[in-house]
């Protein structure tokens, strides 16, 4: 995941808080030891997606931040966790105290990131592909504009599906609506209804 527009080929890991903080501390420490890189107009361009209905938060480049590497990395970490990156899908919480001993980010501000449930587990008895729905706005099915935290469950009920996938829909707007469009008759965890004869 990109984190500084001035150095677009450098990424932070999508991993533990310790890994992210150590990467930021090492990166900005290295950048402070080098001659400054030129400031470009594109350094202010946004790098990350935002939640639907939320204002876009442009990334700031901290490469040109006039401070020591610890303060620079700490400011960048606050942006990454609370404003631009982690916050898009997670609900990071700042916590007090030092980080894990022995990591280069141990003296930086710290966060915890509660786990989120993977989206693929919400409809285990169905098949769904966002690509076949790409002409439909996200807000048609998901209440993301009203969401304020990553733990909100934004799965639509079947009534939303039936707005388009139902025989009662106007013919010009009707999508295929037989059960097999979305559901498998058998699942891998169940035995078949008819056993083969020996």
Protein backbone atom coordinates (compact mmCIF):
# COMPACT_ATOMS: atom_id res chain seq x y z
CA UNK A 1 0.00 0.00 0.00
CA UNK A 2 1.45 3.31 -1.08
CA UNK A 3 1.88 5.86 1.68
CA UNK A 4 3.87 8.85 0.42
CA UNK A 5 3.17 10.51 -2.93
CA UNK A 6 6.76 11.75 -3.23
CA UNK A 7 8.04 8.16 -3.39
CA UNK A 8 5.35 6.26 -5.23
CA UNK A 9 7.27 2.99 -5.56
CA UNK A 10 7.56 2.44 -1.77
CA UNK A 11 4.79 0.61 0.10
CA UNK A 12 3.90 -0.28 3.66
CA UNK A 13 2.96 -3.90 4.39
CA UNK A 14 -0.66 -4.87 4.87
CA UNK A 15 0.26 -6.54 8.12
CA UNK A 16 0.77 -5.91 11.80
CA UNK A 17 0.98 -2.48 13.41
CA UNK A 18 4.61 -3.26 14.33
CA UNK A 19 5.48 -3.96 10.69
CA UNK A 20 3.85 -0.74 9.48
CA UNK A 21 5.50 1.43 12.15
CA UNK A 22 8.91 -0.14 11.60
CA UNK A 23 8.63 0.38 7.84
CA UNK A 24 7.69 4.05 8.30
CA UNK A 25 10.45 4.70 10.85
CA UNK A 26 13.11 3.06 8.70
CA UNK A 27 11.91 4.77 5.52
CA UNK A 28 11.82 8.30 6.93
CA UNK A 29 15.10 7.73 8.78
CA UNK A 30 16.68 6.73 5.47
CA UNK A 31 15.13 9.71 3.65
CA UNK A 32 16.49 12.15 6.26
CA UNK A 33 20.01 10.79 5.67
CA UNK A 34 19.86 11.56 1.94
CA UNK A 35 19.85 14.81 -0.05
CA UNK A 36 16.28 16.13 -0.30
CA UNK A 37 14.24 15.03 -3.30
CA UNK A 38 12.50 17.76 -5.30
CA UNK A 39 8.91 18.68 -4.45
CA UNK A 40 6.50 17.98 -7.30
CA UNK A 41 2.90 19.10 -7.83
CA UNK A 42 1.76 15.49 -7.93
CA UNK A 43 3.05 14.96 -4.37
CA UNK A 44 -0.33 16.25 -3.16
CA UNK A 45 -2.42 13.87 -5.26
CA UNK A 46 -4.51 11.31 -3.34
CA UNK A 47 -3.26 7.73 -3.28
CA UNK A 48 -6.04 5.79 -1.60
CA UNK A 49 -9.65 4.95 -2.08
CA UNK A 50 -12.16 6.28 0.39
CA UNK A 51 -15.40 4.85 1.64
CA UNK A 52 -18.40 5.75 -0.49
CA UNK A 53 -20.06 8.90 0.79
CA UNK A 54 -16.94 10.05 2.63
CA UNK A 55 -14.82 13.00 1.47
CA UNK A 56 -11.56 12.12 -0.22
CA UNK A 57 -8.58 12.75 2.04
CA UNK A 58 -5.48 13.62 0.01
CA UNK A 59 -2.21 12.10 1.13
CA UNK A 60 0.42 14.52 2.30
CA UNK A 61 4.05 13.84 1.56
CA UNK A 62 6.08 13.65 4.75
CA UNK A 63 9.38 13.32 2.89
CA UNK A 64 9.63 17.13 2.97
CA UNK A 65 8.47 17.40 6.60
CA UNK A 66 10.90 19.69 8.43
CA UNK A 67 11.55 17.63 11.54
CA UNK A 68 13.59 14.70 12.84
CA UNK A 69 12.87 11.22 11.52
CA UNK A 70 10.92 10.11 14.63
CA UNK A 71 8.48 13.04 14.43
CA UNK A 72 8.20 12.67 10.66
CA UNK A 73 7.47 8.93 10.87
CA UNK A 74 5.00 9.52 13.73
CA UNK A 75 3.11 12.15 11.71
CA UNK A 76 3.03 9.84 8.69
CA UNK A 77 1.82 6.94 10.88
CA UNK A 78 -1.02 9.05 12.26
CA UNK A 79 -2.08 9.85 8.70
CA UNK A 80 -1.81 6.20 7.58
CA UNK A 81 -3.77 4.76 10.51
CA UNK A 82 -6.31 7.52 11.16
CA UNK A 83 -6.85 9.43 7.92
CA UNK A 84 -5.84 7.79 4.67
CA UNK A 85 -5.24 4.05 4.61
CA UNK A 86 -6.17 1.72 7.48
CA UNK A 87 -9.31 3.70 8.34
CA UNK A 88 -10.83 2.90 4.94
CA UNK A 89 -11.55 -0.72 5.96
CA UNK A 90 -10.62 -0.95 9.65
CA UNK A 91 -11.35 0.92 12.88
CA UNK A 92 -7.86 1.63 14.26
CA UNK A 93 -7.71 2.73 17.91
CA UNK A 94 -4.78 4.69 19.30
CA UNK A 95 -3.37 3.12 22.48
CA UNK A 96 -0.86 4.39 25.00
CA UNK A 97 2.49 2.90 25.82
CA UNK A 98 5.53 1.83 23.91
CA UNK A 99 5.42 -0.56 21.00
CA UNK A 100 6.86 -4.03 20.88
CA UNK A 101 10.40 -4.05 22.22
CA UNK A 102 13.08 -4.62 19.64
CA UNK A 103 11.15 -3.07 16.74
CA UNK A 104 12.24 0.18 15.12
CA UNK A 105 8.75 1.60 15.65
CA UNK A 106 8.61 0.92 19.41
CA UNK A 107 8.98 4.61 20.34
CA UNK A 108 6.25 5.83 17.96
CA UNK A 109 2.53 6.31 18.68
CA UNK A 110 0.75 2.95 18.82
CA UNK A 111 -2.56 1.56 17.52
CA UNK A 112 -4.61 -1.59 17.70
CA UNK A 113 -6.65 -2.72 14.75
CA UNK A 114 -9.62 -4.97 15.58
CA UNK A 115 -10.16 -7.83 13.17
CA UNK A 116 -12.84 -7.51 10.54
CA UNK A 117 -14.90 -10.37 9.19
CA UNK A 118 -14.02 -11.25 5.60
CA UNK A 119 -16.79 -10.33 3.18
CA UNK A 120 -16.80 -13.74 1.49
CA UNK A 121 -18.42 -15.34 4.57
CA UNK A 122 -21.64 -13.33 4.46
CA UNK A 123 -23.50 -15.32 1.80
CA UNK A 124 -22.12 -18.87 1.97
CA UNK A 125 -25.04 -20.41 0.05
CA UNK A 126 -24.84 -18.06 -2.91
CA UNK A 127 -22.68 -16.86 -5.76
CA UNK A 128 -22.23 -13.15 -6.24
CA UNK A 129 -19.97 -11.23 -8.58
CA UNK A 130 -19.66 -7.45 -8.34
CA UNK A 131 -18.47 -7.34 -11.97
CA UNK A 132 -21.93 -8.27 -13.22
CA UNK A 133 -23.38 -5.41 -11.19
CA UNK A 134 -20.86 -2.73 -12.16
CA UNK A 135 -23.49 -0.56 -13.89
CA UNK A 136 -25.35 -0.27 -10.59
CA UNK A 137 -24.23 2.31 -8.04
CA UNK A 138 -22.89 0.85 -4.78
CA UNK A 139 -25.46 2.80 -2.76
CA UNK A 140 -28.28 1.00 -4.59
CA UNK A 141 -27.50 -2.12 -2.55
CA UNK A 142 -25.22 -0.97 0.27
CA UNK A 143 -25.90 1.69 2.91
CA UNK A 144 -22.26 2.79 2.89
CA UNK A 145 -23.13 6.49 2.94
CA UNK A 146 -24.71 5.99 6.36
CA UNK A 147 -21.82 3.87 7.66
CA UNK A 148 -19.43 5.42 10.14
CA UNK A 149 -17.26 2.47 11.19
CA UNK A 150 -15.65 -0.59 9.65
CA UNK A 151 -17.67 -2.95 11.84
CA UNK A 152 -20.96 -1.92 10.18
CA UNK A 153 -22.46 -4.81 8.23
CA UNK A 154 -23.41 -3.46 4.83
CA UNK A 155 -24.90 -6.60 3.32
CA UNK A 156 -28.23 -6.02 1.59
CA UNK A 157 -31.20 -8.23 2.32
CA UNK A 158 -32.79 -10.34 -0.39
CA UNK A 159 -35.51 -7.71 -0.87
CA UNK A 160 -32.87 -5.47 -2.46
CA UNK A 161 -31.91 -8.29 -4.86
CA UNK A 162 -35.56 -8.81 -5.75
CA UNK A 163 -35.89 -5.21 -6.92
CA UNK A 164 -34.19 -6.39 -10.12
CA UNK A 165 -34.21 -10.20 -9.86
CA UNK A 166 -37.92 -10.87 -9.62
CA UNK A 167 -40.59 -11.85 -12.12
CA UNK A 168 -42.65 -8.86 -10.97
CA UNK A 169 -39.99 -6.35 -12.10
CA UNK A 170 -40.79 -4.43 -15.31
CA UNK A 171 -39.57 -6.52 -18.27
CA UNK A 172 -37.16 -3.84 -19.52
CA UNK A 173 -35.42 -3.69 -16.14
CA UNK A 174 -35.62 -7.35 -15.16
CA UNK A 175 -32.46 -9.34 -14.55
CA UNK A 176 -32.45 -13.14 -14.69
CA UNK A 177 -34.36 -14.40 -11.71
CA UNK A 178 -34.27 -18.17 -11.45
CA UNK A 179 -32.76 -19.56 -8.23
CA UNK A 180 -29.71 -20.95 -10.02
CA UNK A 181 -28.62 -17.45 -10.98
CA UNK A 182 -27.37 -16.88 -7.46
CA UNK A 183 -27.62 -20.16 -5.58
CA UNK A 184 -26.05 -23.59 -5.97
CA UNK A 185 -28.36 -26.54 -5.51
CA UNK A 186 -25.70 -28.59 -3.73
CA UNK A 187 -22.96 -27.37 -1.47
CA UNK A 188 -19.67 -29.13 -0.91
CA UNK A 189 -20.39 -29.61 2.80
CA UNK A 190 -23.66 -31.50 2.25
CA UNK A 191 -24.25 -35.00 0.92
CA UNK A 192 -26.02 -35.28 -2.45
CA UNK A 193 -29.78 -35.82 -2.29
CA UNK A 194 -29.58 -39.04 -4.32
CA UNK A 195 -26.82 -41.54 -3.69
CA UNK A 196 -25.36 -43.37 -6.66
CA UNK A 197 -26.22 -47.08 -6.82
CA UNK A 198 -23.26 -49.48 -6.57
